Amino acid sequence: MRTWGMDGTFKVVPQWYQQLFTIHAFVAGKLVPAVYCLCTGKDIGTYGFIFQALINKAAVLRVNLNPETIICDFETALIPAIQGYFPNTRVQGCYFHFCQAVHRKV
């Protein structure tokens, strides 16, 4: 699982949550859902909590989480959290979210 995709969605969550954050991984050329998190925030602490929980669980399972690339939107809290917990990983902005942001500014 060398490439991961991360995204949050806001419209499908119960009112006491802020977002559903998902992590997907490319396996044999297909994007496979791996993690679903109902989050009460979308700040660097929330993402850090998620990443630390994943790293801890992976250690128990003796799995090395070392993605080569993570594709995500341009969220200001998510990118530094990724860089802090996965410092050797290349963070790549999602083209869909880039186009969506450009379209909003037009």
PDB file of N, CA and C in Angstrom:
ATOM      1  N   MET A   1       0.841  -1.172   0.000  1.00  0.00           N
ATOM      2  CA  MET A   1       0.000   0.000   0.000  1.00  0.00           C
ATOM      3  C   MET A   1       0.890   1.241   0.000  1.00  0.00           C
ATOM      4  N   ARG A   2       1.397   1.547  -1.156  1.00  0.00           N
ATOM      5  CA  ARG A   2       2.355   2.641  -1.288  1.00  0.00           C
ATOM      6  C   ARG A   2       1.683   3.998  -1.458  1.00  0.00           C
ATOM      7  N   THR A   3       0.451   4.017  -1.993  1.00  0.00           N
ATOM      8  CA  THR A   3      -0.258   5.278  -2.206  1.00  0.00           C
ATOM      9  C   THR A   3      -1.578   5.252  -1.461  1.00  0.00           C
ATOM     10  N   TRP A   4      -1.803   6.303  -0.676  1.00  0.00           N
ATOM     11  CA  TRP A   4      -3.047   6.449   0.070  1.00  0.00           C
ATOM     12  C   TRP A   4      -3.793   7.670  -0.436  1.00  0.00           C
ATOM     13  N   GLY A   5      -5.092   7.649  -0.281  1.00  0.00           N
ATOM     14  CA  GLY A   5      -5.924   8.822  -0.531  1.00  0.00           C
ATOM     15  C   GLY A   5      -6.684   9.156   0.742  1.00  0.00           C
ATOM     16  N   MET A   6      -6.787  10.442   1.053  1.00  0.00           N
ATOM     17  CA  MET A   6      -7.494  10.878   2.264  1.00  0.00           C
ATOM     18  C   MET A   6      -8.469  11.977   1.905  1.00  0.00           C
ATOM     19  N   ASP A   7      -9.646  11.932   2.535  1.00  0.00           N
ATOM     20  CA  ASP A   7     -10.628  12.988   2.289  1.00  0.00           C
ATOM     21  C   ASP A   7     -11.640  13.016   3.420  1.00  0.00           C
ATOM     22  N   GLY A   8     -12.256  14.149   3.579  1.00  0.00           N
ATOM     23  CA  GLY A   8     -13.330  14.311   4.546  1.00  0.00           C
ATOM     24  C   GLY A   8     -14.601  14.712   3.825  1.00  0.00           C
ATOM     25  N   THR A   9     -15.725  14.270   4.337  1.00  0.00           N
ATOM     26  CA  THR A   9     -17.013  14.698   3.804  1.00  0.00           C
ATOM     27  C   THR A   9     -17.863  15.171   4.974  1.00  0.00           C
ATOM     28  N   PHE A  10     -18.707  16.138   4.696  1.00  0.00           N
ATOM     29  CA  PHE A  10     -19.404  16.824   5.779  1.00  0.00           C
ATOM     30  C   PHE A  10     -20.916  16.630   5.755  1.00  0.00           C
ATOM     31  N   LYS A  11     -21.470  16.299   4.621  1.00  0.00           N
ATOM     32  CA  LYS A  11     -22.926  16.277   4.463  1.00  0.00           C
ATOM     33  C   LYS A  11     -23.593  15.014   4.990  1.00  0.00           C
ATOM     34  N   VAL A  12     -22.846  13.958   5.236  1.00  0.00           N
ATOM     35  CA  VAL A  12     -23.461  12.675   5.594  1.00  0.00           C
ATOM     36  C   VAL A  12     -23.346  12.334   7.076  1.00  0.00           C
ATOM     37  N   VAL A  13     -22.814  13.246   7.890  1.00  0.00           N
ATOM     38  CA  VAL A  13     -22.566  12.907   9.291  1.00  0.00           C
ATOM     39  C   VAL A  13     -23.697  13.389  10.199  1.00  0.00           C
ATOM     40  N   PRO A  14     -23.937  12.674  11.301  1.00  0.00           N
ATOM     41  CA  PRO A  14     -24.910  13.164  12.287  1.00  0.00           C
ATOM     42  C   PRO A  14     -24.481  14.534  12.816  1.00  0.00           C
ATOM     43  N   GLN A  15     -25.426  15.285  13.336  1.00  0.00           N
ATOM     44  CA  GLN A  15     -25.181  16.679  13.689  1.00  0.00           C
ATOM     45  C   GLN A  15     -24.080  16.882  14.733  1.00  0.00           C
ATOM     46  N   TRP A  16     -23.811  15.925  15.585  1.00  0.00           N
ATOM     47  CA  TRP A  16     -22.793  16.110  16.617  1.00  0.00           C
ATOM     48  C   TRP A  16     -21.379  15.807  16.110  1.00  0.00           C
ATOM     49  N   TYR A  17     -21.250  15.391  14.860  1.00  0.00           N
ATOM     50  CA  TYR A  17     -19.935  15.210  14.240  1.00  0.00           C
ATOM     51  C   TYR A  17     -19.717  16.286  13.192  1.00  0.00           C
ATOM     52  N   GLN A  18     -18.447  16.575  12.934  1.00  0.00           N
ATOM     53  CA  GLN A  18     -18.134  17.590  11.939  1.00  0.00           C
ATOM     54  C   GLN A  18     -17.853  16.978  10.569  1.00  0.00           C
ATOM     55  N   GLN A  19     -17.228  15.802  10.552  1.00  0.00           N
ATOM     56  CA  GLN A  19     -16.918  15.196   9.263  1.00  0.00           C
ATOM     57  C   GLN A  19     -16.719  13.694   9.384  1.00  0.00           C
ATOM     58  N   LEU A  20     -16.839  13.034   8.243  1.00  0.00           N
ATOM     59  CA  LEU A  20     -16.433  11.643   8.091  1.00  0.00           C
ATOM     60  C   LEU A  20     -15.122  11.686   7.319  1.00  0.00           C
ATOM     61  N   PHE A  21     -14.036  11.278   7.969  1.00  0.00           N
ATOM     62  CA  PHE A  21     -12.706  11.293   7.360  1.00  0.00           C
ATOM     63  C   PHE A  21     -12.379   9.876   6.921  1.00  0.00           C
ATOM     64  N   THR A  22     -11.970   9.715   5.677  1.00  0.00           N
ATOM     65  CA  THR A  22     -11.674   8.379   5.154  1.00  0.00           C
ATOM     66  C   THR A  22     -10.247   8.297   4.632  1.00  0.00           C
ATOM     67  N   ILE A  23      -9.689   7.112   4.759  1.00  0.00           N
ATOM     68  CA  ILE A  23      -8.375   6.812   4.190  1.00  0.00           C
ATOM     69  C   ILE A  23      -8.546   5.594   3.300  1.00  0.00           C
ATOM     70  N   HIS A  24      -8.091   5.725   2.072  1.00  0.00           N
ATOM     71  CA  HIS A  24      -8.137   4.641   1.098  1.00  0.00           C
ATOM     72  C   HIS A  24      -6.707   4.321   0.674  1.00  0.00           C
ATOM     73  N   ALA A  25      -6.492   3.118   0.202  1.00  0.00           N
ATOM     74  CA  ALA A  25      -5.175   2.716  -0.284  1.00  0.00           C
ATOM     75  C   ALA A  25      -5.328   2.050  -1.645  1.00  0.00           C
ATOM     76  N   PHE A  26      -4.363   2.290  -2.504  1.00  0.00           N
ATOM     77  CA  PHE A  26      -4.342   1.601  -3.791  1.00  0.00           C
ATOM     78  C   PHE A  26      -3.752   0.211  -3.583  1.00  0.00           C
ATOM     79  N   VAL A  27      -4.533  -0.805  -3.925  1.00  0.00           N
ATOM     80  CA  VAL A  27      -4.105  -2.200  -3.826  1.00  0.00           C
ATOM     81  C   VAL A  27      -4.387  -2.844  -5.172  1.00  0.00           C
ATOM     82  N   ALA A  28      -3.345  -3.353  -5.810  1.00  0.00           N
ATOM     83  CA  ALA A  28      -3.473  -3.993  -7.127  1.00  0.00           C
ATOM     84  C   ALA A  28      -4.208  -3.081  -8.116  1.00  0.00           C
ATOM     85  N   GLY A  29      -3.886  -1.793  -8.068  1.00  0.00           N
ATOM     86  CA  GLY A  29      -4.454  -0.843  -9.023  1.00  0.00           C
ATOM     87  C   GLY A  29      -5.859  -0.366  -8.717  1.00  0.00           C
ATOM     88  N   LYS A  30      -6.413  -0.794  -7.592  1.00  0.00           N
ATOM     89  CA  LYS A  30      -7.771  -0.372  -7.214  1.00  0.00           C
ATOM     90  C   LYS A  30      -7.721   0.375  -5.892  1.00  0.00           C
ATOM     91  N   LEU A  31      -8.575   1.390  -5.768  1.00  0.00           N
ATOM     92  CA  LEU A  31      -8.658   2.166  -4.539  1.00  0.00           C
ATOM     93  C   LEU A  31      -9.580   1.443  -3.558  1.00  0.00           C
ATOM     94  N   VAL A  32      -9.025   1.030  -2.424  1.00  0.00           N
ATOM     95  CA  VAL A  32      -9.745   0.220  -1.444  1.00  0.00           C
ATOM     96  C   VAL A  32      -9.934   1.028  -0.155  1.00  0.00           C
ATOM     97  N   PRO A  33     -11.172   1.136   0.357  1.00  0.00           N
ATOM     98  CA  PRO A  33     -11.372   1.842   1.625  1.00  0.00           C
ATOM     99  C   PRO A  33     -10.693   1.094   2.767  1.00  0.00           C
ATOM    100  N   ALA A  34      -9.991   1.837   3.615  1.00  0.00           N
ATOM    101  CA  ALA A  34      -9.252   1.205   4.707  1.00  0.00           C
ATOM    102  C   ALA A  34      -9.665   1.714   6.084  1.00  0.00           C
ATOM    103  N   VAL A  35      -9.951   3.006   6.203  1.00  0.00           N
ATOM    104  CA  VAL A  35     -10.242   3.606   7.508  1.00  0.00           C
ATOM    105  C   VAL A  35     -11.392   4.592   7.361  1.00  0.00           C
ATOM    106  N   TYR A  36     -12.329   4.517   8.291  1.00  0.00           N
ATOM    107  CA  TYR A  36     -13.416   5.498   8.390  1.00  0.00           C
ATOM    108  C   TYR A  36     -13.385   6.085   9.797  1.00  0.00           C
ATOM    109  N   CYS A  37     -13.404   7.401   9.912  1.00  0.00           N
ATOM    110  CA  CYS A  37     -13.389   8.064  11.219  1.00  0.00           C
ATOM    111  C   CYS A  37     -14.472   9.133  11.272  1.00  0.00           C
ATOM    112  N   LEU A  38     -15.367   9.023  12.239  1.00  0.00           N
ATOM    113  CA  LEU A  38     -16.306  10.108  12.519  1.00  0.00           C
ATOM    114  C   LEU A  38     -15.587  11.085  13.436  1.00  0.00           C
ATOM    115  N   CYS A  39     -15.455  12.323  12.999  1.00  0.00           N
ATOM    116  CA  CYS A  39     -14.639  13.306  13.711  1.00  0.00           C
ATOM    117  C   CYS A  39     -15.477  14.465  14.234  1.00  0.00           C
ATOM    118  N   THR A  40     -15.135  14.910  15.430  1.00  0.00           N
ATOM    119  CA  THR A  40     -15.786  16.089  15.997  1.00  0.00           C
ATOM    120  C   THR A  40     -15.037  17.366  15.644  1.00  0.00           C
ATOM    121  N   GLY A  41     -13.911  17.245  14.972  1.00  0.00           N
ATOM    122  CA  GLY A  41     -13.133  18.406  14.544  1.00  0.00           C
ATOM    123  C   GLY A  41     -12.410  18.106  13.253  1.00  0.00           C
ATOM    124  N   LYS A  42     -11.789  19.136  12.710  1.00  0.00           N
ATOM    125  CA  LYS A  42     -10.949  18.950  11.519  1.00  0.00           C
ATOM    126  C   LYS A  42      -9.688  19.789  11.671  1.00  0.00           C
ATOM    127  N   ASP A  43      -9.082  19.644  12.843  1.00  0.00           N
ATOM    128  CA  ASP A  43      -7.868  20.388  13.153  1.00  0.00           C
ATOM    129  C   ASP A  43      -6.683  19.428  13.202  1.00  0.00           C
ATOM    130  N   ILE A  44      -5.502  19.986  13.356  1.00  0.00           N
ATOM    131  CA  ILE A  44      -4.292  19.172  13.336  1.00  0.00           C
ATOM    132  C   ILE A  44      -4.289  18.147  14.477  1.00  0.00           C
ATOM    133  N   GLY A  45      -4.876  18.500  15.612  1.00  0.00           N
ATOM    134  CA  GLY A  45      -4.958  17.561  16.731  1.00  0.00           C
ATOM    135  C   GLY A  45      -5.827  16.355  16.420  1.00  0.00           C
ATOM    136  N   THR A  46      -6.930  16.585  15.734  1.00  0.00           N
ATOM    137  CA  THR A  46      -7.816  15.483  15.340  1.00  0.00           C
ATOM    138  C   THR A  46      -7.095  14.532  14.401  1.00  0.00           C
ATOM    139  N   TYR A  47      -6.438  15.089  13.383  1.00  0.00           N
ATOM    140  CA  TYR A  47      -5.716  14.239  12.435  1.00  0.00           C
ATOM    141  C   TYR A  47      -4.545  13.534  13.116  1.00  0.00           C
ATOM    142  N   GLY A  48      -3.863  14.231  14.014  1.00  0.00           N
ATOM    143  CA  GLY A  48      -2.774  13.606  14.760  1.00  0.00           C
ATOM    144  C   GLY A  48      -3.261  12.432  15.594  1.00  0.00           C
ATOM    145  N   PHE A  49      -4.416  12.586  16.225  1.00  0.00           N
ATOM    146  CA  PHE A  49      -5.009  11.501  17.014  1.00  0.00           C
ATOM    147  C   PHE A  49      -5.288  10.286  16.130  1.00  0.00           C
ATOM    148  N   ILE A  50      -5.845  10.527  14.947  1.00  0.00           N
ATOM    149  CA  ILE A  50      -6.143   9.435  14.010  1.00  0.00           C
ATOM    150  C   ILE A  50      -4.859   8.739  13.573  1.00  0.00           C
ATOM    151  N   PHE A  51      -3.866   9.527  13.155  1.00  0.00           N
ATOM    152  CA  PHE A  51      -2.620   8.936  12.658  1.00  0.00           C
ATOM    153  C   PHE A  51      -1.887   8.178  13.759  1.00  0.00           C
ATOM    154  N   GLN A  52      -1.873   8.718  14.978  1.00  0.00           N
ATOM    155  CA  GLN A  52      -1.199   8.027  16.076  1.00  0.00           C
ATOM    156  C   GLN A  52      -1.907   6.714  16.402  1.00  0.00           C
ATOM    157  N   ALA A  53      -3.228   6.717  16.375  1.00  0.00           N
ATOM    158  CA  ALA A  53      -3.983   5.480  16.612  1.00  0.00           C
ATOM    159  C   ALA A  53      -3.658   4.437  15.542  1.00  0.00           C
ATOM    160  N   LEU A  54      -3.552   4.868  14.293  1.00  0.00           N
ATOM    161  CA  LEU A  54      -3.196   3.938  13.209  1.00  0.00           C
ATOM    162  C   LEU A  54      -1.790   3.383  13.395  1.00  0.00           C
ATOM    163  N   ILE A  55      -0.856   4.251  13.732  1.00  0.00           N
ATOM    164  CA  ILE A  55       0.530   3.826  13.937  1.00  0.00           C
ATOM    165  C   ILE A  55       0.608   2.844  15.106  1.00  0.00           C
ATOM    166  N   ASN A  56      -0.103   3.134  16.191  1.00  0.00           N
ATOM    167  CA  ASN A  56      -0.104   2.232  17.356  1.00  0.00           C
ATOM    168  C   ASN A  56      -0.689   0.867  17.008  1.00  0.00           C
ATOM    169  N   LYS A  57      -1.811   0.857  16.302  1.00  0.00           N
ATOM    170  CA  LYS A  57      -2.442  -0.415  15.922  1.00  0.00           C
ATOM    171  C   LYS A  57      -1.551  -1.189  14.956  1.00  0.00           C
ATOM    172  N   ALA A  58      -0.931  -0.484  14.025  1.00  0.00           N
ATOM    173  CA  ALA A  58      -0.026  -1.139  13.078  1.00  0.00           C
ATOM    174  C   ALA A  58       1.152  -1.777  13.811  1.00  0.00           C
ATOM    175  N   ALA A  59       1.666  -1.120  14.839  1.00  0.00           N
ATOM    176  CA  ALA A  59       2.779  -1.676  15.615  1.00  0.00           C
ATOM    177  C   ALA A  59       2.363  -2.969  16.309  1.00  0.00           C
ATOM    178  N   VAL A  60       1.158  -2.991  16.867  1.00  0.00           N
ATOM    179  CA  VAL A  60       0.648  -4.209  17.510  1.00  0.00           C
ATOM    180  C   VAL A  60       0.545  -5.341  16.490  1.00  0.00           C
ATOM    181  N   LEU A  61       0.118  -5.001  15.282  1.00  0.00           N
ATOM    182  CA  LEU A  61      -0.035  -6.003  14.222  1.00  0.00           C
ATOM    183  C   LEU A  61       1.271  -6.286  13.479  1.00  0.00           C
ATOM    184  N   ARG A  62       2.330  -5.591  13.861  1.00  0.00           N
ATOM    185  CA  ARG A  62       3.647  -5.699  13.216  1.00  0.00           C
ATOM    186  C   ARG A  62       3.588  -5.343  11.732  1.00  0.00           C
ATOM    187  N   VAL A  63       2.877  -4.257  11.462  1.00  0.00           N
ATOM    188  CA  VAL A  63       2.758  -3.724  10.104  1.00  0.00           C
ATOM    189  C   VAL A  63       3.458  -2.373  10.077  1.00  0.00           C
ATOM    190  N   ASN A  64       4.266  -2.148   9.066  1.00  0.00           N
ATOM    191  CA  ASN A  64       4.964  -0.876   8.922  1.00  0.00           C
ATOM    192  C   ASN A  64       4.147   0.044   8.020  1.00  0.00           C
ATOM    193  N   LEU A  65       3.649   1.120   8.580  1.00  0.00           N
ATOM    194  CA  LEU A  65       2.913   2.107   7.783  1.00  0.00           C
ATOM    195  C   LEU A  65       3.915   3.102   7.221  1.00  0.00           C
ATOM    196  N   ASN A  66       4.187   2.970   5.944  1.00  0.00           N
ATOM    197  CA  ASN A  66       5.168   3.839   5.312  1.00  0.00           C
ATOM    198  C   ASN A  66       4.710   4.167   3.896  1.00  0.00           C
ATOM    199  N   PRO A  67       3.621   4.938   3.761  1.00  0.00           N
ATOM    200  CA  PRO A  67       3.154   5.248   2.409  1.00  0.00           C
ATOM    201  C   PRO A  67       4.166   6.105   1.660  1.00  0.00           C
ATOM    202  N   GLU A  68       4.293   5.838   0.391  1.00  0.00           N
ATOM    203  CA  GLU A  68       5.189   6.625  -0.458  1.00  0.00           C
ATOM    204  C   GLU A  68       4.551   7.969  -0.802  1.00  0.00           C
ATOM    205  N   THR A  69       3.251   7.940  -1.108  1.00  0.00           N
ATOM    206  CA  THR A  69       2.513   9.141  -1.506  1.00  0.00           C
ATOM    207  C   THR A  69       1.156   9.152  -0.819  1.00  0.00           C
ATOM    208  N   ILE A  70       0.743  10.331  -0.363  1.00  0.00           N
ATOM    209  CA  ILE A  70      -0.613  10.525   0.140  1.00  0.00           C
ATOM    210  C   ILE A  70      -1.251  11.627  -0.688  1.00  0.00           C
ATOM    211  N   ILE A  71      -2.387  11.305  -1.288  1.00  0.00           N
ATOM    212  CA  ILE A  71      -3.140  12.268  -2.088  1.00  0.00           C
ATOM    213  C   ILE A  71      -4.282  12.789  -1.220  1.00  0.00           C
ATOM    214  N   CYS A  72      -4.385  14.105  -1.118  1.00  0.00           N
ATOM    215  CA  CYS A  72      -5.428  14.694  -0.273  1.00  0.00           C
ATOM    216  C   CYS A  72      -5.809  16.064  -0.816  1.00  0.00           C
ATOM    217  N   ASP A  73      -6.831  16.655  -0.201  1.00  0.00           N
ATOM    218  CA  ASP A  73      -7.188  18.014  -0.590  1.00  0.00           C
ATOM    219  C   ASP A  73      -6.176  18.982   0.033  1.00  0.00           C
ATOM    220  N   PHE A  74      -6.425  20.256  -0.092  1.00  0.00           N
ATOM    221  CA  PHE A  74      -5.453  21.262   0.321  1.00  0.00           C
ATOM    222  C   PHE A  74      -5.778  21.827   1.706  1.00  0.00           C
ATOM    223  N   GLU A  75      -6.339  21.004   2.562  1.00  0.00           N
ATOM    224  CA  GLU A  75      -6.742  21.435   3.896  1.00  0.00           C
ATOM    225  C   GLU A  75      -5.516  21.795   4.738  1.00  0.00           C
ATOM    226  N   THR A  76      -5.575  22.969   5.341  1.00  0.00           N
ATOM    227  CA  THR A  76      -4.402  23.497   6.044  1.00  0.00           C
ATOM    228  C   THR A  76      -4.024  22.711   7.294  1.00  0.00           C
ATOM    229  N   ALA A  77      -4.933  22.000   7.922  1.00  0.00           N
ATOM    230  CA  ALA A  77      -4.591  21.197   9.102  1.00  0.00           C
ATOM    231  C   ALA A  77      -4.128  19.794   8.725  1.00  0.00           C
ATOM    232  N   LEU A  78      -4.642  19.259   7.634  1.00  0.00           N
ATOM    233  CA  LEU A  78      -4.330  17.881   7.260  1.00  0.00           C
ATOM    234  C   LEU A  78      -2.886  17.732   6.788  1.00  0.00           C
ATOM    235  N   ILE A  79      -2.435  18.623   5.939  1.00  0.00           N
ATOM    236  CA  ILE A  79      -1.093  18.483   5.355  1.00  0.00           C
ATOM    237  C   ILE A  79       0.005  18.496   6.422  1.00  0.00           C
ATOM    238  N   PRO A  80       0.019  19.452   7.371  1.00  0.00           N
ATOM    239  CA  PRO A  80       1.068  19.384   8.396  1.00  0.00           C
ATOM    240  C   PRO A  80       0.960  18.154   9.301  1.00  0.00           C
ATOM    241  N   ALA A  81      -0.247  17.669   9.526  1.00  0.00           N
ATOM    242  CA  ALA A  81      -0.395  16.446  10.323  1.00  0.00           C
ATOM    243  C   ALA A  81       0.228  15.264   9.586  1.00  0.00           C
ATOM    244  N   ILE A  82      -0.032  15.168   8.295  1.00  0.00           N
ATOM    245  CA  ILE A  82       0.589  14.104   7.493  1.00  0.00           C
ATOM    246  C   ILE A  82       2.103  14.220   7.566  1.00  0.00           C
ATOM    247  N   GLN A  83       2.623  15.427   7.352  1.00  0.00           N
ATOM    248  CA  GLN A  83       4.073  15.629   7.355  1.00  0.00           C
ATOM    249  C   GLN A  83       4.691  15.315   8.713  1.00  0.00           C
ATOM    250  N   GLY A  84       3.947  15.554   9.788  1.00  0.00           N
ATOM    251  CA  GLY A  84       4.462  15.262  11.118  1.00  0.00           C
ATOM    252  C   GLY A  84       4.504  13.780  11.444  1.00  0.00           C
ATOM    253  N   TYR A  85       3.513  13.038  10.995  1.00  0.00           N
ATOM    254  CA  TYR A  85       3.429  11.609  11.325  1.00  0.00           C
ATOM    255  C   TYR A  85       4.029  10.707  10.247  1.00  0.00           C
ATOM    256  N   PHE A  86       4.104  11.197   9.032  1.00  0.00           N
ATOM    257  CA  PHE A  86       4.685  10.432   7.921  1.00  0.00           C
ATOM    258  C   PHE A  86       5.691  11.325   7.196  1.00  0.00           C
ATOM    259  N   PRO A  87       6.821  11.659   7.850  1.00  0.00           N
ATOM    260  CA  PRO A  87       7.743  12.663   7.309  1.00  0.00           C
ATOM    261  C   PRO A  87       8.426  12.270   6.001  1.00  0.00           C
ATOM    262  N   ASN A  88       8.489  10.999   5.696  1.00  0.00           N
ATOM    263  CA  ASN A  88       9.146  10.559   4.461  1.00  0.00           C
ATOM    264  C   ASN A  88       8.170  10.371   3.309  1.00  0.00           C
ATOM    265  N   THR A  89       6.938  10.787   3.512  1.00  0.00           N
ATOM    266  CA  THR A  89       5.883  10.605   2.522  1.00  0.00           C
ATOM    267  C   THR A  89       5.703  11.869   1.700  1.00  0.00           C
ATOM    268  N   ARG A  90       5.525  11.699   0.406  1.00  0.00           N
ATOM    269  CA  ARG A  90       5.239  12.828  -0.484  1.00  0.00           C
ATOM    270  C   ARG A  90       3.746  13.119  -0.416  1.00  0.00           C
ATOM    271  N   VAL A  91       3.402  14.372  -0.135  1.00  0.00           N
ATOM    272  CA  VAL A  91       2.001  14.792  -0.098  1.00  0.00           C
ATOM    273  C   VAL A  91       1.668  15.422  -1.444  1.00  0.00           C
ATOM    274  N   GLN A  92       0.639  14.906  -2.072  1.00  0.00           N
ATOM    275  CA  GLN A  92       0.229  15.378  -3.399  1.00  0.00           C
ATOM    276  C   GLN A  92      -1.195  15.908  -3.313  1.00  0.00           C
ATOM    277  N   GLY A  93      -1.399  17.117  -3.794  1.00  0.00           N
ATOM    278  CA  GLY A  93      -2.742  17.690  -3.817  1.00  0.00           C
ATOM    279  C   GLY A  93      -3.624  16.981  -4.827  1.00  0.00           C
ATOM    280  N   CYS A  94      -4.876  16.840  -4.486  1.00  0.00           N
ATOM    281  CA  CYS A  94      -5.856  16.171  -5.337  1.00  0.00           C
ATOM    282  C   CYS A  94      -6.292  17.104  -6.466  1.00  0.00           C
ATOM    283  N   TYR A  95      -6.240  16.640  -7.689  1.00  0.00           N
ATOM    284  CA  TYR A  95      -6.596  17.455  -8.848  1.00  0.00           C
ATOM    285  C   TYR A  95      -8.069  17.857  -8.812  1.00  0.00           C
ATOM    286  N   PHE A  96      -8.940  16.953  -8.401  1.00  0.00           N
ATOM    287  CA  PHE A  96     -10.365  17.265  -8.303  1.00  0.00           C
ATOM    288  C   PHE A  96     -10.595  18.438  -7.359  1.00  0.00           C
ATOM    289  N   HIS A  97      -9.973  18.386  -6.176  1.00  0.00           N
ATOM    290  CA  HIS A  97     -10.158  19.461  -5.204  1.00  0.00           C
ATOM    291  C   HIS A  97      -9.520  20.764  -5.685  1.00  0.00           C
ATOM    292  N   PHE A  98      -8.422  20.666  -6.415  1.00  0.00           N
ATOM    293  CA  PHE A  98      -7.805  21.860  -6.989  1.00  0.00           C
ATOM    294  C   PHE A  98      -8.769  22.529  -7.966  1.00  0.00           C
ATOM    295  N   CYS A  99      -9.338  21.741  -8.870  1.00  0.00           N
ATOM    296  CA  CYS A  99     -10.287  22.291  -9.854  1.00  0.00           C
ATOM    297  C   CYS A  99     -11.520  22.862  -9.164  1.00  0.00           C
ATOM    298  N   GLN A 100     -11.982  22.204  -8.124  1.00  0.00           N
ATOM    299  CA  GLN A 100     -13.138  22.681  -7.369  1.00  0.00           C
ATOM    300  C   GLN A 100     -12.840  24.051  -6.741  1.00  0.00           C
ATOM    301  N   ALA A 101     -11.641  24.217  -6.195  1.00  0.00           N
ATOM    302  CA  ALA A 101     -11.257  25.490  -5.585  1.00  0.00           C
ATOM    303  C   ALA A 101     -11.142  26.590  -6.637  1.00  0.00           C
ATOM    304  N   VAL A 102     -10.577  26.264  -7.786  1.00  0.00           N
ATOM    305  CA  VAL A 102     -10.459  27.248  -8.868  1.00  0.00           C
ATOM    306  C   VAL A 102     -11.843  27.659  -9.340  1.00  0.00           C
ATOM    307  N   HIS A 103     -12.726  26.694  -9.494  1.00  0.00           N
ATOM    308  CA  HIS A 103     -14.089  26.986  -9.961  1.00  0.00           C
ATOM    309  C   HIS A 103     -14.829  27.902  -8.979  1.00  0.00           C
ATOM    310  N   ARG A 104     -14.616  27.704  -7.688  1.00  0.00           N
ATOM    311  CA  ARG A 104     -15.256  28.557  -6.677  1.00  0.00           C
ATOM    312  C   ARG A 104     -14.788  30.003  -6.780  1.00  0.00           C
ATOM    313  N   LYS A 105     -13.535  30.200  -7.199  1.00  0.00           N
ATOM    314  CA  LYS A 105     -12.966  31.550  -7.281  1.00  0.00           C
ATOM    315  C   LYS A 105     -13.354  32.273  -8.565  1.00  0.00           C
ATOM    316  N   VAL A 106     -13.846  31.541  -9.552  1.00  0.00           N
ATOM    317  CA  VAL A 106     -14.193  32.143 -10.848  1.00  0.00           C
ATOM    318  C   VAL A 106     -15.469  32.932 -10.750  1.00  0.00           C
TER     319      VAL A 106
END
